[in-house]
Amino acid sequence: MYGKGGGGVEGKEGRREGGEEEEEEEEEEEAYIDSLKLSCAGVMVEGDIQDGSRGARERKKTVSFSRSLSARKISGAADCIHSMVEGSELRKVRPSSRVYQRYYMLDAGLQALCWEPSKKESDKARITLPSIREVRTGRNTEIFHTSGLYDQISEDCAFSIIYGETYESLDLVANSAEVANIWVTGLRYLLQYGKHALDMIATSRDSLRLGWLERLFSAAVRREEARRGAGGDAADAEATVALPSAIALIQSVNPAVGASRAEHRFHEALRAHGRTPGTGAATTPVKESGGAGGGGGKGGGKGSKKNAGAANQQVTKQEFIEVFHELCTRPEIYFLLVQFSSNKEFLDTKDLMRFLEAEQGMVHVNEDASLELIQSHEPSEEGRQQGWLSLDGFTNYLNSTKCHLFDGEHSAVCQDMGQPLSHYYINASHNTYLIEDQLRGPSNLSGYVRALKMGCRCVELDVWDGRGEEPVVFTGHTQTPPLAFPGVLEVIGRFAFVASEYPLILCLENHCSPRQQQVMWKHLVRILGDRLYTEPPSEGEWYLPSPDSLKGRILLKAQKRGPGSDGADGEVSEEDEGEEISRRMKADQNVGSGEGSAGGGGGGGAEKEPGQKNLPSSPVSPLSPPLSPPLPPPPKRHMLLKELSDLVSLCRSVRFADFQTSSRSQKPWELCSFHESLAVRLASENPGDFVNHNKRFLSRVYPNPMRVDSSNMNPQDLWKCGCQIVSMNYQTAGLMMDMNTAWFRQNGNCGYVLRPAIMRQEVSYFSANTREMVPGVAPQLLHVKVISGQNLPRPRGSGAKGDVVEPYVYVEIHGIPADCAERRTRTMTQNEGNPIFDESFEFQINLPELAMVRFVVLDDDFIGDEFIGQYTIPLECIQPGYRHVPLQSLTGEDLPHARLFVHVALTNRRGGGKPHKRGLSVRKARKGRSYAALRDLGVRAVDEVFKTAAPLLREATDLRENMQTSVVVFRELCGVSAVANLMQCVRALGSCVSGPDGKPLLLFDLRDDYPALEPQGPLPDVLRRVVTTFEMMVQASRAVVELSDGIYKRILHIQTTAMEHHEKLQDLVVREGHRGRKVNRALESFSWNITLLKGQADLLRQAKAEVRENMKQVHCAALTSSMTKQAVAVGGGSLGRTRSLPRCHHPADTPPVSSSTPTPTRGKGPLP
């Protein structure tokens, strides 16, 4: 469909002469377009999840093989330049979606870029290097943005060469991201050093790294000589070390390198230098043999001969350095280093500062902080002394915990713990004493130990009469063995607060006779003592106490007798989940099919192991109502001992009737338990009511009784309804348990996580099943680039499969239905466990507070098991920038050295995604803008109040989106990616706006709060547009700052006025003649409007903060890029820069070293 529009000529680029050749090129061109759309450079496998599982659709397997250009290991600029001289096929994108495949190469003199075939004469089918102004990565030029192929071209495979006085662009697409990186890196190196580039490389080829490796090797030689003593080899012999020592030396620097892999590489190096593995340093010709180095280092003898030979093999310094380069150089990190390195070989303190600020989202970074990082991670002594970070030091830093995807701030309690207990999700375990299935599986005290050590704050005890007048813990009506009740309490008492100091809830399901209840009570008081919280709640309290006020206390969740209880004279209804299991199994057998093994509810079925072809459940679990179960018989009643009842205070168990009854009569300290099927049905039929119910009351959900295999429900199906206590079978690994474990990691693993604000506000609107934007919540765009994998093991259950894996990665989003999605990379082969994926994905997140991201690595060529590893993380815990993702096994243990390397960024909805057309004016943008709409209640007095807010909401939306749109357009004109911040925009400008005399064509005037971009002479069209767009951005930003406070106050005043009608709202609705559903609809509309007003006011306040951050970034980047006019003065106008903007150091300013120098901290504002 692309490329068939009018014309079809290449313009001045020319056609081959003759009509026959022209027709041939037309056909060739269409074939190239099809190839572009189908190649690894163009298409990424995608698709939102449908019907709850990946199995709902068939996936076509896509495989990526290594390319010839990047077949050699890229470890420096010389490798890139040599590859460019050899040349490669690239696709040139022209206007009107025309695509031409050409063979591009660097001429031997390193003076020009040439291509063929072309109608042009050979001297014209070239671009001289001195005419190149910029080498730009990604789809970030006018031609790419306006091309109909934009969506078919991979961001990671595209790059552009900006050249000439008029800033023309040559827009190219490589066959892989690695090939694109080779061209970008090589061209940038040549632009910096010109025709002397190879001389520079020859004289100082990574001297920092080579010097370090030579000293490392020399130290190993001295150690071996000391072990051998004076009677060693001849003094004039070339210095060598034994092969095992060389392998150990590499592993001491890079523990992730396997011994067999290193040995195999050394054998290859020995053969390449004409030496047979097993000989000393003397040269021995190698006879031709099949499979050199074959079998992962198994050549060179078998059994004891091989071991003896390995001990006698000697490795020279040159061979050691070659193998080290091969095993320890990661091309993707090298390509990253040269993007920020001013000399393309290492990072100095200023380079590192730019990287930390622009990519890693860090603020308050100075050269002292950069130097501290260099001192911590640079392996060479020279680098530490000079303040240089080499490639190996940079790799060490990116591999450190500081660059893990998980934000270390969340490793400790970081949320407000002073809110009511019902405002938190609580980590809970189901039938904690069971360690296998629910019917016959063994019971063990280790179940409690494991759960409590994992931060669980709600454990379960089913207590029954035991022999010898001693109560026991087990599941009634099953064959599970019993545990002694006092033994269970002893373990709980010992481990209750090992992992968390916050309150522990004991779910006590009491089936004992009064005599054994007396024994239970004595054990509870004796073993748990003062830690039991028994103070009776106050009748006037509307909310439960906070976790902070209950530190170190144990709450008993059980039935309680007394006024308002279900029974009289100490008689209460009996809770018996075990009997429900037995009853439902019998009903299932009678029906023949019943609810199925998973309970047929919204839990998504019995949880499949991730090793199966279809992953365990999908990010979307449709909340369809389960099959109607047989009506339960009336609950049994039994006598409850008063002393035992008095131990129950804040978590009294009551039966759920309906939401109206609960709203009218339930007390805050009363708790309802729901089995999974009922909770899912309520979430499906009454999502808003369920959320409102959970604002005041605790709700506990336990797995469907038919989950006898101990499979787990999807906890997010219940969390999104606000259910606080979702009980999980801790003994069953898989997706659901991964999500539960990851979710509670976000608050120091203390077992309590604050629920989203929209679920805590007294008056707010939120539907658990929404597939649209959440009112008052700004959607975010999550940009994820999966770059590479390291040390990926084969699947554990892969049987007789070889060591080679063919991995691919799923990136999954779990959250509300509107957010659930998944994307996958291509399958990578011939990767030796270190695949390069280089694929980017984008997800819209409508409720970030409830979203989780999961990375799953699978093997496409599996035998028996495909699961390699996974990592799940709440969105709130993700650090932006270049990060490593530590992969975990099926049971949650870290896989040694197995990681993914990714880049992550969050932007607002206007800050990423598809490009905007040039010349996008505010007036044009308004025509297609959607505004948040208030709802009519049908109550005149209230509707009149809300109507006064409509123009304010429109004005607030216009202010916010005008500013964000202008930033997007400015970013595009600067030629940076959609996730770049304004600091990166300004620095990109600074690198390409010099005139023929080398002086900058644009400078910033920073004398006012709002920077001005001033031309320094005649400008080409593209730079004039940059200046105009910058002025528009500054004007829109100024409007936000000057007008937002007044609009914010007026919106909140309207919200306060409307809330005055809240208490009597239902009476007002009835007076207007509304009945039944209309009353509920009016109440819902009121909540919607209140939520919308508060949300829009908050978004406007956030926009003002965004402007302050943007102006600060422009100011700092202009200073550090030397793009400022002289006599810079800082004012204190409406932005209040003297009070709010940190001082930006000019390159000439070196702050004094001080012990009080602030260390870098991660920014919480707009992310790069």
Foldseek 3Di string as FASTA:
>chain_A
DAQPDPDSAPPPQAFADDPVRNVVVSVVQVVVLVCLLPFQQFDFFFDFDPPWFPVVDDDDAFEDADDPLPPDPDFALVSLQVSQQVWDWKWWADARRTIDIWTWHQHPLNFWIAIDDTNDDRVPRIDGLVFWQAKFAFQQDQRLQRHPRVNRGFRLQKIWTQGDQQRDITIIGDSDSLNVLSVRLNSVQCSQVPSCSVVVCVVCVLVQVLVQLVVLLVVLLVVVDVVVDPPDDDPPDAGWDAQVSLLVSLCVLPVLDDSLQLLLLLQVLCQVVQHHQLAEPDHHHDDDDPARSPDSNCPDDDDPRNVNSSRRYIDGSVSSVVSSSVPPRDVVLLSVQQVQDPNSFWHALVSVVCQCVFFQQWPLDASVQLLVLQCVQAPGPVCNVRRIQGSRSSVRSQPDPVFAQFFPVLLAFDDDQFDFPLQKFFAAADLQQFQFFQAAGEGDLVSVVVCLQLQHQEYEFEWEQDPPLFIWGHAPPGNYDTHTPLVSLQSCLVRVPVQAQFEHEYEYQDDYAPSSLVVVLVSCCVRNNPLQDQDADDPPDQGHGTRVVNGSHYAYAEAADDPPAPDPPQKHFGDHLSVVLVVQVVVCVVVVHHCPLQRVAQLQRFFDFCFDPMAGIALDRDLDQGDDGPDDDPTDMHGDDNSSNSSHHQNHEDEDDDLVCCVVDNGLSYEYEAERNVLSVCLVPPLFSLLLSSLRHAYAYEYDSSNRRQGFGQVQSNVLSSHRHYHHHLSDFHDRVLQSSQVCSSRSSNRIDRRDPQSNDNFAFDRQQDLDAGFLFFKKKKKKWFFKKAQFFADPQQPPDDGFFFKKKKKFKHHRNNFTTITIFRTYGPQSRIGTGGGMDMTIGRRLRGMKIKMWMFGPPGHRTTGGFMHMHRSVRGGARWHKHFTADRSGHTDPPIIIIMGIFMFTPLQADRADNPPDALVNVVVPDDFDDADDLLQVVLVVLLVVCVVLRVVLVSLLVQLSNLQRNLQSLLSHHSRTALLVSLLSQLSRQADPVRHGQWFWAQQELAIAIDGPDDGNPSVVSSNVSSVSNSVSLVCLLVPLVVSLVVLVVSLVVSCVCVVVVLVSSVVSVDDDPSSVVSSSSSSHSSSNSVSSSVSSVLSNVVSLVRSLSNVQSSQQSVRHDPPHHHDCPSSHCVPPRDDHDHPVDRDDDDPPSDHMDRDPHHID
